[in-house]
C-alpha atoms as a PDB file:
ATOM      1  CA  UNK A   1       0.240  -0.135   0.147  1.00  0.00           C
ATOM      2  CA  UNK A   2       2.762   2.391   0.872  1.00  0.00           C
ATOM      3  CA  UNK A   3       4.403   1.417  -2.136  1.00  0.00           C
ATOM      4  CA  UNK A   4       1.399   2.501  -4.292  1.00  0.00           C
ATOM      5  CA  UNK A   5       0.900   5.539  -2.565  1.00  0.00           C
ATOM      6  CA  UNK A   6       4.561   6.678  -3.170  1.00  0.00           C
ATOM      7  CA  UNK A   7       4.298   5.688  -6.605  1.00  0.00           C
ATOM      8  CA  UNK A   8       0.885   7.476  -6.825  1.00  0.00           C
ATOM      9  CA  UNK A   9       2.533  10.550  -5.477  1.00  0.00           C
ATOM     10  CA  UNK A  10       5.366  10.237  -8.107  1.00  0.00           C
ATOM     11  CA  UNK A  11       3.131  10.361 -10.713  1.00  0.00           C
ATOM     12  CA  UNK A  12       1.312  13.386  -9.667  1.00  0.00           C
ATOM     13  CA  UNK A  13       4.352  15.150  -9.085  1.00  0.00           C
ATOM     14  CA  UNK A  14       5.650  14.001 -12.561  1.00  0.00           C
ATOM     15  CA  UNK A  15       2.357  15.354 -13.975  1.00  0.00           C
ATOM     16  CA  UNK A  16       3.256  18.525 -12.577  1.00  0.00           C
ATOM     17  CA  UNK A  17       6.025  19.385 -13.739  1.00  0.00           C
ATOM     18  CA  UNK A  18       4.992  18.711 -17.419  1.00  0.00           C
ATOM     19  CA  UNK A  19       2.467  21.318 -16.577  1.00  0.00           C
ATOM     20  CA  UNK A  20       4.635  23.912 -15.311  1.00  0.00           C
ATOM     21  CA  UNK A  21       7.964  23.070 -17.477  1.00  0.00           C
ATOM     22  CA  UNK A  22       6.855  24.911 -20.633  1.00  0.00           C
ATOM     23  CA  UNK A  23       5.017  28.032 -18.661  1.00  0.00           C
ATOM     24  CA  UNK A  24       8.442  28.198 -16.592  1.00  0.00           C
ATOM     25  CA  UNK A  25      10.272  28.176 -20.089  1.00  0.00           C
ATOM     26  CA  UNK A  26       8.240  30.832 -21.297  1.00  0.00           C
ATOM     27  CA  UNK A  27       8.642  33.122 -18.430  1.00  0.00           C
ATOM     28  CA  UNK A  28      12.525  32.419 -18.907  1.00  0.00           C
ATOM     29  CA  UNK A  29      12.805  33.162 -22.422  1.00  0.00           C
ATOM     30  CA  UNK A  30      10.070  36.250 -22.609  1.00  0.00           C
ATOM     31  CA  UNK A  31      11.510  39.917 -23.622  1.00  0.00           C
ATOM     32  CA  UNK A  32      11.476  42.091 -20.432  1.00  0.00           C
ATOM     33  CA  UNK A  33       8.886  44.602 -21.077  1.00  0.00           C
ATOM     34  CA  UNK A  34       9.027  47.955 -19.348  1.00  0.00           C
ATOM     35  CA  UNK A  35       5.833  50.696 -18.468  1.00  0.00           C
ATOM     36  CA  UNK A  36       7.022  54.210 -18.908  1.00  0.00           C
ATOM     37  CA  UNK A  37       4.176  56.393 -17.157  1.00  0.00           C
ATOM     38  CA  UNK A  38       4.200  59.834 -18.351  1.00  0.00           C
ATOM     39  CA  UNK A  39       1.451  62.413 -17.739  1.00  0.00           C
ATOM     40  CA  UNK A  40       0.133  61.806 -21.321  1.00  0.00           C
ATOM     41  CA  UNK A  41      -0.661  58.239 -20.515  1.00  0.00           C
ATOM     42  CA  UNK A  42       1.263  55.174 -20.179  1.00  0.00           C
ATOM     43  CA  UNK A  43       3.617  53.686 -23.232  1.00  0.00           C
ATOM     44  CA  UNK A  44       5.033  49.785 -22.839  1.00  0.00           C
ATOM     45  CA  UNK A  45       8.130  48.893 -24.416  1.00  0.00           C
ATOM     46  CA  UNK A  46       9.595  45.104 -25.148  1.00  0.00           C
ATOM     47  CA  UNK A  47      13.308  45.272 -25.056  1.00  0.00           C
ATOM     48  CA  UNK A  48      15.528  42.808 -27.476  1.00  0.00           C
ATOM     49  CA  UNK A  49      17.930  41.736 -24.818  1.00  0.00           C
ATOM     50  CA  UNK A  50      19.179  38.915 -26.761  1.00  0.00           C
ATOM     51  CA  UNK A  51      20.007  41.235 -30.117  1.00  0.00           C
ATOM     52  CA  UNK A  52      21.098  44.227 -28.306  1.00  0.00           C
ATOM     53  CA  UNK A  53      22.193  43.310 -24.777  1.00  0.00           C
ATOM     54  CA  UNK A  54      23.997  46.142 -23.879  1.00  0.00           C
ATOM     55  CA  UNK A  55      21.542  48.518 -24.675  1.00  0.00           C
ATOM     56  CA  UNK A  56      18.933  46.883 -22.943  1.00  0.00           C
ATOM     57  CA  UNK A  57      20.727  46.123 -19.711  1.00  0.00           C
ATOM     58  CA  UNK A  58      21.554  49.298 -20.004  1.00  0.00           C
ATOM     59  CA  UNK A  59      18.291  50.790 -19.945  1.00  0.00           C
ATOM     60  CA  UNK A  60      17.139  48.934 -17.505  1.00  0.00           C
ATOM     61  CA  UNK A  61      19.659  49.381 -15.035  1.00  0.00           C
ATOM     62  CA  UNK A  62      18.082  53.124 -15.392  1.00  0.00           C
ATOM     63  CA  UNK A  63      14.736  51.648 -14.763  1.00  0.00           C
ATOM     64  CA  UNK A  64      15.554  49.888 -11.482  1.00  0.00           C
ATOM     65  CA  UNK A  65      17.603  52.324  -9.930  1.00  0.00           C
ATOM     66  CA  UNK A  66      14.114  54.743 -10.767  1.00  0.00           C
ATOM     67  CA  UNK A  67      16.405  57.283 -12.659  1.00  0.00           C
ATOM     68  CA  UNK A  68      14.059  58.052 -15.293  1.00  0.00           C
ATOM     69  CA  UNK A  69      11.582  58.945 -12.396  1.00  0.00           C
ATOM     70  CA  UNK A  70      10.964  62.845 -12.256  1.00  0.00           C
ATOM     71  CA  UNK A  71      12.494  62.855 -15.998  1.00  0.00           C
ATOM     72  CA  UNK A  72      10.562  63.922 -19.050  1.00  0.00           C
ATOM     73  CA  UNK A  73       9.642  63.905 -22.798  1.00  0.00           C
ATOM     74  CA  UNK A  74      11.490  67.033 -23.526  1.00  0.00           C
ATOM     75  CA  UNK A  75      11.949  66.995 -27.809  1.00  0.00           C
ATOM     76  CA  UNK A  76       9.111  66.597 -30.799  1.00  0.00           C
ATOM     77  CA  UNK A  77      11.090  66.030 -34.132  1.00  0.00           C
ATOM     78  CA  UNK A  78       8.448  66.087 -36.541  1.00  0.00           C
ATOM     79  CA  UNK A  79       9.262  65.311 -40.327  1.00  0.00           C
ATOM     80  CA  UNK A  80       8.415  68.921 -42.095  1.00  0.00           C
ATOM     81  CA  UNK A  81       4.839  68.724 -44.194  1.00  0.00           C
ATOM     82  CA  UNK A  82       4.360  65.378 -42.578  1.00  0.00           C
ATOM     83  CA  UNK A  83       4.002  66.647 -38.610  1.00  0.00           C
ATOM     84  CA  UNK A  84       2.703  63.000 -38.011  1.00  0.00           C
ATOM     85  CA  UNK A  85       5.909  61.157 -38.790  1.00  0.00           C
ATOM     86  CA  UNK A  86       9.081  61.852 -36.366  1.00  0.00           C
ATOM     87  CA  UNK A  87      10.228  61.023 -33.136  1.00  0.00           C
ATOM     88  CA  UNK A  88       9.883  61.976 -29.415  1.00  0.00           C
ATOM     89  CA  UNK A  89      12.912  61.969 -27.050  1.00  0.00           C
ATOM     90  CA  UNK A  90      13.310  61.453 -23.134  1.00  0.00           C
ATOM     91  CA  UNK A  91      15.899  61.477 -20.386  1.00  0.00           C
ATOM     92  CA  UNK A  92      16.154  61.765 -16.679  1.00  0.00           C
ATOM     93  CA  UNK A  93      16.225  64.945 -14.669  1.00  0.00           C
ATOM     94  CA  UNK A  94      19.384  66.985 -15.159  1.00  0.00           C
ATOM     95  CA  UNK A  95      20.016  66.645 -11.850  1.00  0.00           C
ATOM     96  CA  UNK A  96      20.354  62.424 -12.360  1.00  0.00           C
ATOM     97  CA  UNK A  97      23.479  61.370 -11.840  1.00  0.00           C
ATOM     98  CA  UNK A  98      24.542  59.087 -15.073  1.00  0.00           C
ATOM     99  CA  UNK A  99      26.095  56.172 -15.195  1.00  0.00           C
ATOM    100  CA  UNK A 100      29.113  55.551 -17.649  1.00  0.00           C
ATOM    101  CA  UNK A 101      28.389  55.596 -21.897  1.00  0.00           C
ATOM    102  CA  UNK A 102      27.681  52.294 -23.506  1.00  0.00           C
ATOM    103  CA  UNK A 103      29.242  50.664 -26.320  1.00  0.00           C
ATOM    104  CA  UNK A 104      27.558  51.285 -29.639  1.00  0.00           C
ATOM    105  CA  UNK A 105      25.388  47.988 -30.602  1.00  0.00           C
ATOM    106  CA  UNK A 106      24.571  49.306 -34.530  1.00  0.00           C
ATOM    107  CA  UNK A 107      21.334  47.977 -36.649  1.00  0.00           C
ATOM    108  CA  UNK A 108      23.974  46.502 -38.878  1.00  0.00           C
ATOM    109  CA  UNK A 109      24.710  43.737 -36.094  1.00  0.00           C
ATOM    110  CA  UNK A 110      21.237  43.810 -34.114  1.00  0.00           C
ATOM    111  CA  UNK A 111      18.925  43.597 -37.235  1.00  0.00           C
ATOM    112  CA  UNK A 112      16.853  46.227 -35.057  1.00  0.00           C
ATOM    113  CA  UNK A 113      15.462  48.838 -38.034  1.00  0.00           C
ATOM    114  CA  UNK A 114      13.828  52.316 -36.968  1.00  0.00           C
ATOM    115  CA  UNK A 115      10.208  51.415 -37.838  1.00  0.00           C
ATOM    116  CA  UNK A 116       6.976  52.979 -36.062  1.00  0.00           C
ATOM    117  CA  UNK A 117       7.353  51.991 -32.467  1.00  0.00           C
ATOM    118  CA  UNK A 118      11.158  51.694 -32.380  1.00  0.00           C
ATOM    119  CA  UNK A 119      12.865  52.664 -29.059  1.00  0.00           C
ATOM    120  CA  UNK A 120      16.295  53.740 -29.510  1.00  0.00           C
ATOM    121  CA  UNK A 121      19.486  55.267 -27.583  1.00  0.00           C
ATOM    122  CA  UNK A 122      19.911  59.128 -28.431  1.00  0.00           C
ATOM    123  CA  UNK A 123      23.856  59.881 -28.906  1.00  0.00           C
ATOM    124  CA  UNK A 124      26.307  62.148 -29.980  1.00  0.00           C
ATOM    125  CA  UNK A 125      29.550  60.129 -31.570  1.00  0.00           C
ATOM    126  CA  UNK A 126      29.292  56.276 -31.355  1.00  0.00           C
ATOM    127  CA  UNK A 127      29.749  55.173 -27.679  1.00  0.00           C
ATOM    128  CA  UNK A 128      28.766  58.119 -25.940  1.00  0.00           C
ATOM    129  CA  UNK A 129      25.201  56.777 -25.227  1.00  0.00           C
ATOM    130  CA  UNK A 130      24.170  57.074 -20.899  1.00  0.00           C
ATOM    131  CA  UNK A 131      20.395  57.343 -20.436  1.00  0.00           C
ATOM    132  CA  UNK A 132      18.415  59.555 -23.039  1.00  0.00           C
ATOM    133  CA  UNK A 133      16.355  57.622 -25.705  1.00  0.00           C
ATOM    134  CA  UNK A 134      13.637  58.209 -28.659  1.00  0.00           C
ATOM    135  CA  UNK A 135      10.781  56.517 -29.681  1.00  0.00           C
ATOM    136  CA  UNK A 136       9.687  56.384 -33.397  1.00  0.00           C
ATOM    137  CA  UNK A 137       6.344  57.444 -34.183  1.00  0.00           C
ATOM    138  CA  UNK A 138       7.033  56.628 -37.941  1.00  0.00           C
ATOM    139  CA  UNK A 139       9.346  54.374 -40.176  1.00  0.00           C
ATOM    140  CA  UNK A 140      12.697  56.250 -40.053  1.00  0.00           C
ATOM    141  CA  UNK A 141      14.912  54.087 -42.176  1.00  0.00           C
ATOM    142  CA  UNK A 142      17.584  57.176 -41.883  1.00  0.00           C
ATOM    143  CA  UNK A 143      18.477  55.983 -38.617  1.00  0.00           C
ATOM    144  CA  UNK A 144      19.952  53.223 -39.213  1.00  0.00           C
ATOM    145  CA  UNK A 145      23.585  52.248 -40.012  1.00  0.00           C
ATOM    146  CA  UNK A 146      24.392  53.141 -43.391  1.00  0.00           C
ATOM    147  CA  UNK A 147      27.917  50.925 -44.008  1.00  0.00           C
ATOM    148  CA  UNK A 148      30.009  52.873 -46.769  1.00  0.00           C
ATOM    149  CA  UNK A 149      28.518  56.079 -46.275  1.00  0.00           C
ATOM    150  CA  UNK A 150      30.169  59.400 -46.164  1.00  0.00           C
ATOM    151  CA  UNK A 151      31.028  60.509 -42.072  1.00  0.00           C
ATOM    152  CA  UNK A 152      29.312  58.946 -39.336  1.00  0.00           C
ATOM    153  CA  UNK A 153      27.783  55.954 -40.707  1.00  0.00           C
ATOM    154  CA  UNK A 154      27.063  54.078 -37.708  1.00  0.00           C
ATOM    155  CA  UNK A 155      23.374  55.152 -37.130  1.00  0.00           C
ATOM    156  CA  UNK A 156      21.585  54.545 -33.565  1.00  0.00           C
ATOM    157  CA  UNK A 157      20.946  51.747 -31.432  1.00  0.00           C
ATOM    158  CA  UNK A 158      17.552  50.480 -31.475  1.00  0.00           C
ATOM    159  CA  UNK A 159      16.820  48.148 -28.822  1.00  0.00           C
ATOM    160  CA  UNK A 160      13.002  47.377 -28.823  1.00  0.00           C
ATOM    161  CA  UNK A 161       9.383  48.566 -29.862  1.00  0.00           C
ATOM    162  CA  UNK A 162       6.390  49.273 -28.490  1.00  0.00           C
ATOM    163  CA  UNK A 163       3.725  47.008 -27.511  1.00  0.00           C
ATOM    164  CA  UNK A 164       1.153  49.402 -25.863  1.00  0.00           C
ATOM    165  CA  UNK A 165       0.754  53.170 -25.941  1.00  0.00           C
ATOM    166  CA  UNK A 166       1.445  54.562 -29.535  1.00  0.00           C
ATOM    167  CA  UNK A 167      -1.384  56.900 -29.083  1.00  0.00           C
ATOM    168  CA  UNK A 168       0.325  58.355 -26.224  1.00  0.00           C
ATOM    169  CA  UNK A 169       3.643  58.216 -28.442  1.00  0.00           C
ATOM    170  CA  UNK A 170       1.409  60.878 -30.973  1.00  0.00           C
ATOM    171  CA  UNK A 171       0.252  62.712 -28.206  1.00  0.00           C
ATOM    172  CA  UNK A 172       3.435  63.936 -27.208  1.00  0.00           C
ATOM    173  CA  UNK A 173       4.629  64.103 -30.792  1.00  0.00           C
ATOM    174  CA  UNK A 174       2.072  66.677 -31.255  1.00  0.00           C
ATOM    175  CA  UNK A 175       3.052  68.885 -28.022  1.00  0.00           C
ATOM    176  CA  UNK A 176       3.581  72.558 -28.484  1.00  0.00           C
ATOM    177  CA  UNK A 177       7.340  72.923 -29.430  1.00  0.00           C
ATOM    178  CA  UNK A 178       8.374  76.251 -28.869  1.00  0.00           C
ATOM    179  CA  UNK A 179      10.764  75.740 -25.787  1.00  0.00           C
ATOM    180  CA  UNK A 180      14.440  77.184 -25.767  1.00  0.00           C
ATOM    181  CA  UNK A 181      16.815  74.581 -28.193  1.00  0.00           C
ATOM    182  CA  UNK A 182      19.554  73.050 -26.625  1.00  0.00           C
ATOM    183  CA  UNK A 183      21.217  73.664 -29.932  1.00  0.00           C
ATOM    184  CA  UNK A 184      20.145  75.364 -33.438  1.00  0.00           C
ATOM    185  CA  UNK A 185      19.562  71.928 -34.856  1.00  0.00           C
ATOM    186  CA  UNK A 186      16.922  72.052 -32.256  1.00  0.00           C
ATOM    187  CA  UNK A 187      15.286  74.374 -32.674  1.00  0.00           C
ATOM    188  CA  UNK A 188      11.485  74.397 -32.924  1.00  0.00           C
ATOM    189  CA  UNK A 189      11.427  70.560 -31.294  1.00  0.00           C
ATOM    190  CA  UNK A 190      11.610  71.922 -27.341  1.00  0.00           C
ATOM    191  CA  UNK A 191       8.569  70.414 -25.816  1.00  0.00           C
ATOM    192  CA  UNK A 192       7.075  73.773 -24.029  1.00  0.00           C
ATOM    193  CA  UNK A 193       6.300  72.149 -21.043  1.00  0.00           C
ATOM    194  CA  UNK A 194       8.178  68.898 -21.290  1.00  0.00           C
ATOM    195  CA  UNK A 195       5.925  65.954 -20.362  1.00  0.00           C
ATOM    196  CA  UNK A 196       6.743  64.577 -17.548  1.00  0.00           C
ATOM    197  CA  UNK A 197       7.873  60.789 -16.424  1.00  0.00           C
ATOM    198  CA  UNK A 198       6.226  60.205 -13.407  1.00  0.00           C
ATOM    199  CA  UNK A 199       7.498  56.430 -13.470  1.00  0.00           C
ATOM    200  CA  UNK A 200       9.292  53.872 -15.255  1.00  0.00           C
ATOM    201  CA  UNK A 201       9.134  50.401 -14.241  1.00  0.00           C
ATOM    202  CA  UNK A 202       9.626  46.714 -15.393  1.00  0.00           C
ATOM    203  CA  UNK A 203       5.696  44.647 -15.587  1.00  0.00           C
END
């Protein structure tokens, strides 16, 4: 009787493992998602942590340390003649201490293109990105790497995509942009007032 009970229990445990294992494997293989709560609504992004591990890990580091909380979307770059096309740029508060810049992960290596909903890192020269990021409201292929082109042809480091909240992205893109530019190239792009970031967290 005791042996039969043990055998029955082993069978039940084994069946339980069969039921649980696929779910566990799915959870372990799932891409990380992050919710960006703004004054105009929530944007959820899914990160390509396997294709762009350096960039995704850097973004998550800022998220986990809550360094984006209290930051803002401060720039809306709209295409001339097509105001619904363009990108929105965000970053931590100017008082936030940033981590060291990260290595540049080119779209040529990651295969992640700048399409509508793509989240990517803002930078000056390659290897200078820290925390500021932007989200494309429309396809922006010219931001991809262009091997063989003259000058800085490495493009920007895309690392994920919006899975919820593109309506919020479009609302931010449509914001008033008569703020004081940080440099001449940003004239007519500074959101006034900036759209506040309430908090950013994993979901």
